[in-house]
Amino acid sequence: MQTKRFRNSVLTNNLRVIRHAWHFWFALALVVKAVCGGICIACLTP
């Protein structure tokens, strides 16, 4: 019974890490798009 509970907690921790990783990469991509968009607008403005 102890090993089953341990496996579930490891699985839960792994899923939590995966969720945080996806959130990090999504936020990073959003920041990069915003920065690059600002630079492109600045370059195209006379």
PDB file of N, CA and C in Angstrom:
ATOM      1  N   MET A   1       0.824  -1.191   0.000  1.00  0.00           N
ATOM      2  CA  MET A   1       0.000   0.000   0.000  1.00  0.00           C
ATOM      3  C   MET A   1       0.871   1.259   0.000  1.00  0.00           C
ATOM      4  N   GLN A   2       1.976   1.201   0.708  1.00  0.00           N
ATOM      5  CA  GLN A   2       2.875   2.360   0.776  1.00  0.00           C
ATOM      6  C   GLN A   2       3.476   2.663  -0.596  1.00  0.00           C
ATOM      7  N   THR A   3       3.870   1.626  -1.346  1.00  0.00           N
ATOM      8  CA  THR A   3       4.504   1.857  -2.647  1.00  0.00           C
ATOM      9  C   THR A   3       3.515   2.450  -3.638  1.00  0.00           C
ATOM     10  N   LYS A   4       2.257   2.029  -3.565  1.00  0.00           N
ATOM     11  CA  LYS A   4       1.253   2.576  -4.479  1.00  0.00           C
ATOM     12  C   LYS A   4       1.062   4.072  -4.216  1.00  0.00           C
ATOM     13  N   ARG A   5       0.995   4.455  -2.974  1.00  0.00           N
ATOM     14  CA  ARG A   5       0.840   5.866  -2.632  1.00  0.00           C
ATOM     15  C   ARG A   5       2.068   6.658  -3.093  1.00  0.00           C
ATOM     16  N   PHE A   6       3.259   6.067  -2.943  1.00  0.00           N
ATOM     17  CA  PHE A   6       4.495   6.732  -3.364  1.00  0.00           C
ATOM     18  C   PHE A   6       4.498   6.933  -4.875  1.00  0.00           C
ATOM     19  N   ARG A   7       4.073   5.940  -5.631  1.00  0.00           N
ATOM     20  CA  ARG A   7       4.033   6.071  -7.091  1.00  0.00           C
ATOM     21  C   ARG A   7       3.083   7.180  -7.515  1.00  0.00           C
ATOM     22  N   ASN A   8       1.947   7.267  -6.881  1.00  0.00           N
ATOM     23  CA  ASN A   8       0.986   8.316  -7.231  1.00  0.00           C
ATOM     24  C   ASN A   8       1.557   9.697  -6.954  1.00  0.00           C
ATOM     25  N   SER A   9       2.277   9.850  -5.856  1.00  0.00           N
ATOM     26  CA  SER A   9       2.845  11.168  -5.555  1.00  0.00           C
ATOM     27  C   SER A   9       3.948  11.515  -6.542  1.00  0.00           C
ATOM     28  N   VAL A  10       4.732  10.530  -6.974  1.00  0.00           N
ATOM     29  CA  VAL A  10       5.772  10.789  -7.971  1.00  0.00           C
ATOM     30  C   VAL A  10       5.129  11.190  -9.285  1.00  0.00           C
ATOM     31  N   LEU A  11       4.081  10.494  -9.672  1.00  0.00           N
ATOM     32  CA  LEU A  11       3.370  10.826 -10.905  1.00  0.00           C
ATOM     33  C   LEU A  11       2.778  12.226 -10.815  1.00  0.00           C
ATOM     34  N   THR A  12       2.192  12.564  -9.688  1.00  0.00           N
ATOM     35  CA  THR A  12       1.618  13.893  -9.509  1.00  0.00           C
ATOM     36  C   THR A  12       2.698  14.963  -9.592  1.00  0.00           C
ATOM     37  N   ASN A  13       3.846  14.722  -8.973  1.00  0.00           N
ATOM     38  CA  ASN A  13       4.939  15.691  -9.034  1.00  0.00           C
ATOM     39  C   ASN A  13       5.453  15.848 -10.455  1.00  0.00           C
ATOM     40  N   ASN A  14       5.554  14.748 -11.193  1.00  0.00           N
ATOM     41  CA  ASN A  14       6.006  14.831 -12.582  1.00  0.00           C
ATOM     42  C   ASN A  14       5.025  15.628 -13.426  1.00  0.00           C
ATOM     43  N   LEU A  15       3.745  15.413 -13.240  1.00  0.00           N
ATOM     44  CA  LEU A  15       2.744  16.170 -13.995  1.00  0.00           C
ATOM     45  C   LEU A  15       2.791  17.646 -13.635  1.00  0.00           C
ATOM     46  N   ARG A  16       3.044  17.944 -12.382  1.00  0.00           N
ATOM     47  CA  ARG A  16       3.149  19.333 -11.945  1.00  0.00           C
ATOM     48  C   ARG A  16       4.340  20.012 -12.623  1.00  0.00           C
ATOM     49  N   VAL A  17       5.458  19.316 -12.714  1.00  0.00           N
ATOM     50  CA  VAL A  17       6.647  19.869 -13.366  1.00  0.00           C
ATOM     51  C   VAL A  17       6.375  20.106 -14.843  1.00  0.00           C
ATOM     52  N   ILE A  18       5.715  19.161 -15.495  1.00  0.00           N
ATOM     53  CA  ILE A  18       5.394  19.317 -16.916  1.00  0.00           C
ATOM     54  C   ILE A  18       4.480  20.519 -17.117  1.00  0.00           C
ATOM     55  N   ARG A  19       3.505  20.684 -16.240  1.00  0.00           N
ATOM     56  CA  ARG A  19       2.590  21.824 -16.363  1.00  0.00           C
ATOM     57  C   ARG A  19       3.342  23.139 -16.206  1.00  0.00           C
ATOM     58  N   HIS A  20       4.253  23.208 -15.251  1.00  0.00           N
ATOM     59  CA  HIS A  20       5.035  24.429 -15.058  1.00  0.00           C
ATOM     60  C   HIS A  20       5.937  24.693 -16.252  1.00  0.00           C
ATOM     61  N   ALA A  21       6.500  23.646 -16.836  1.00  0.00           N
ATOM     62  CA  ALA A  21       7.381  23.818 -17.994  1.00  0.00           C
ATOM     63  C   ALA A  21       6.600  24.370 -19.178  1.00  0.00           C
ATOM     64  N   TRP A  22       5.411  23.847 -19.433  1.00  0.00           N
ATOM     65  CA  TRP A  22       4.599  24.361 -20.544  1.00  0.00           C
ATOM     66  C   TRP A  22       4.237  25.820 -20.307  1.00  0.00           C
ATOM     67  N   HIS A  23       3.881  26.162 -19.084  1.00  0.00           N
ATOM     68  CA  HIS A  23       3.516  27.536 -18.766  1.00  0.00           C
ATOM     69  C   HIS A  23       4.708  28.461 -18.976  1.00  0.00           C
ATOM     70  N   PHE A  24       5.896  28.026 -18.562  1.00  0.00           N
ATOM     71  CA  PHE A  24       7.107  28.827 -18.730  1.00  0.00           C
ATOM     72  C   PHE A  24       7.387  29.086 -20.207  1.00  0.00           C
ATOM     73  N   TRP A  25       7.349  28.036 -21.031  1.00  0.00           N
ATOM     74  CA  TRP A  25       7.669  28.212 -22.452  1.00  0.00           C
ATOM     75  C   TRP A  25       6.612  29.054 -23.154  1.00  0.00           C
ATOM     76  N   PHE A  26       5.330  28.907 -22.779  1.00  0.00           N
ATOM     77  CA  PHE A  26       4.270  29.715 -23.370  1.00  0.00           C
ATOM     78  C   PHE A  26       4.470  31.186 -23.022  1.00  0.00           C
ATOM     79  N   ALA A  27       4.787  31.465 -21.763  1.00  0.00           N
ATOM     80  CA  ALA A  27       5.018  32.849 -21.338  1.00  0.00           C
ATOM     81  C   ALA A  27       6.256  33.428 -22.017  1.00  0.00           C
ATOM     82  N   LEU A  28       7.309  32.635 -22.146  1.00  0.00           N
ATOM     83  CA  LEU A  28       8.523  33.096 -22.812  1.00  0.00           C
ATOM     84  C   LEU A  28       8.250  33.417 -24.279  1.00  0.00           C
ATOM     85  N   ALA A  29       7.490  32.575 -24.959  1.00  0.00           N
ATOM     86  CA  ALA A  29       7.145  32.829 -26.360  1.00  0.00           C
ATOM     87  C   ALA A  29       6.314  34.101 -26.486  1.00  0.00           C
ATOM     88  N   LEU A  30       5.416  34.333 -25.557  1.00  0.00           N
ATOM     89  CA  LEU A  30       4.594  35.535 -25.588  1.00  0.00           C
ATOM     90  C   LEU A  30       5.453  36.786 -25.414  1.00  0.00           C
ATOM     91  N   VAL A  31       6.408  36.747 -24.517  1.00  0.00           N
ATOM     92  CA  VAL A  31       7.307  37.883 -24.303  1.00  0.00           C
ATOM     93  C   VAL A  31       8.156  38.133 -25.543  1.00  0.00           C
ATOM     94  N   VAL A  32       8.679  37.080 -26.143  1.00  0.00           N
ATOM     95  CA  VAL A  32       9.504  37.231 -27.345  1.00  0.00           C
ATOM     96  C   VAL A  32       8.683  37.836 -28.477  1.00  0.00           C
ATOM     97  N   LYS A  33       7.448  37.383 -28.644  1.00  0.00           N
ATOM     98  CA  LYS A  33       6.580  37.948 -29.685  1.00  0.00           C
ATOM     99  C   LYS A  33       6.321  39.432 -29.426  1.00  0.00           C
ATOM    100  N   ALA A  34       6.082  39.789 -28.189  1.00  0.00           N
ATOM    101  CA  ALA A  34       5.811  41.191 -27.860  1.00  0.00           C
ATOM    102  C   ALA A  34       7.039  42.060 -28.116  1.00  0.00           C
ATOM    103  N   VAL A  35       8.207  41.591 -27.734  1.00  0.00           N
ATOM    104  CA  VAL A  35       9.437  42.361 -27.931  1.00  0.00           C
ATOM    105  C   VAL A  35       9.756  42.481 -29.416  1.00  0.00           C
ATOM    106  N   CYS A  36       9.672  41.385 -30.140  1.00  0.00           N
ATOM    107  CA  CYS A  36       9.969  41.420 -31.580  1.00  0.00           C
ATOM    108  C   CYS A  36       8.945  42.262 -32.331  1.00  0.00           C
ATOM    109  N   GLY A  37       7.699  42.204 -31.909  1.00  0.00           N
ATOM    110  CA  GLY A  37       6.667  43.033 -32.532  1.00  0.00           C
ATOM    111  C   GLY A  37       6.946  44.506 -32.311  1.00  0.00           C
ATOM    112  N   GLY A  38       7.380  44.863 -31.118  1.00  0.00           N
ATOM    113  CA  GLY A  38       7.720  46.255 -30.825  1.00  0.00           C
ATOM    114  C   GLY A  38       8.905  46.732 -31.643  1.00  0.00           C
ATOM    115  N   ILE A  39       9.892  45.876 -31.822  1.00  0.00           N
ATOM    116  CA  ILE A  39      11.072  46.239 -32.620  1.00  0.00           C
ATOM    117  C   ILE A  39      10.684  46.407 -34.085  1.00  0.00           C
ATOM    118  N   CYS A  40       9.850  45.521 -34.606  1.00  0.00           N
ATOM    119  CA  CYS A  40       9.422  45.618 -36.010  1.00  0.00           C
ATOM    120  C   CYS A  40       8.627  46.895 -36.249  1.00  0.00           C
ATOM    121  N   ILE A  41       7.751  47.239 -35.335  1.00  0.00           N
ATOM    122  CA  ILE A  41       6.967  48.471 -35.480  1.00  0.00           C
ATOM    123  C   ILE A  41       7.893  49.683 -35.431  1.00  0.00           C
ATOM    124  N   ALA A  42       8.871  49.666 -34.536  1.00  0.00           N
ATOM    125  CA  ALA A  42       9.818  50.781 -34.432  1.00  0.00           C
ATOM    126  C   ALA A  42      10.649  50.913 -35.705  1.00  0.00           C
ATOM    127  N   CYS A  43      11.025  49.808 -36.307  1.00  0.00           N
ATOM    128  CA  CYS A  43      11.830  49.850 -37.539  1.00  0.00           C
ATOM    129  C   CYS A  43      11.012  50.332 -38.733  1.00  0.00           C
ATOM    130  N   LEU A  44       9.736  50.008 -38.757  1.00  0.00           N
ATOM    131  CA  LEU A  44       8.898  50.376 -39.901  1.00  0.00           C
ATOM    132  C   LEU A  44       8.351  51.793 -39.796  1.00  0.00           C
ATOM    133  N   THR A  45       8.406  52.386 -38.617  1.00  0.00           N
ATOM    134  CA  THR A  45       7.896  53.740 -38.433  1.00  0.00           C
ATOM    135  C   THR A  45       8.952  54.739 -38.908  1.00  0.00           C
ATOM    136  N   PRO A  46       8.554  55.650 -39.815  1.00  0.00           N
ATOM    137  CA  PRO A  46       9.539  56.619 -40.332  1.00  0.00           C
ATOM    138  C   PRO A  46       9.973  57.642 -39.293  1.00  0.00           C
TER     139      PRO A  46
END
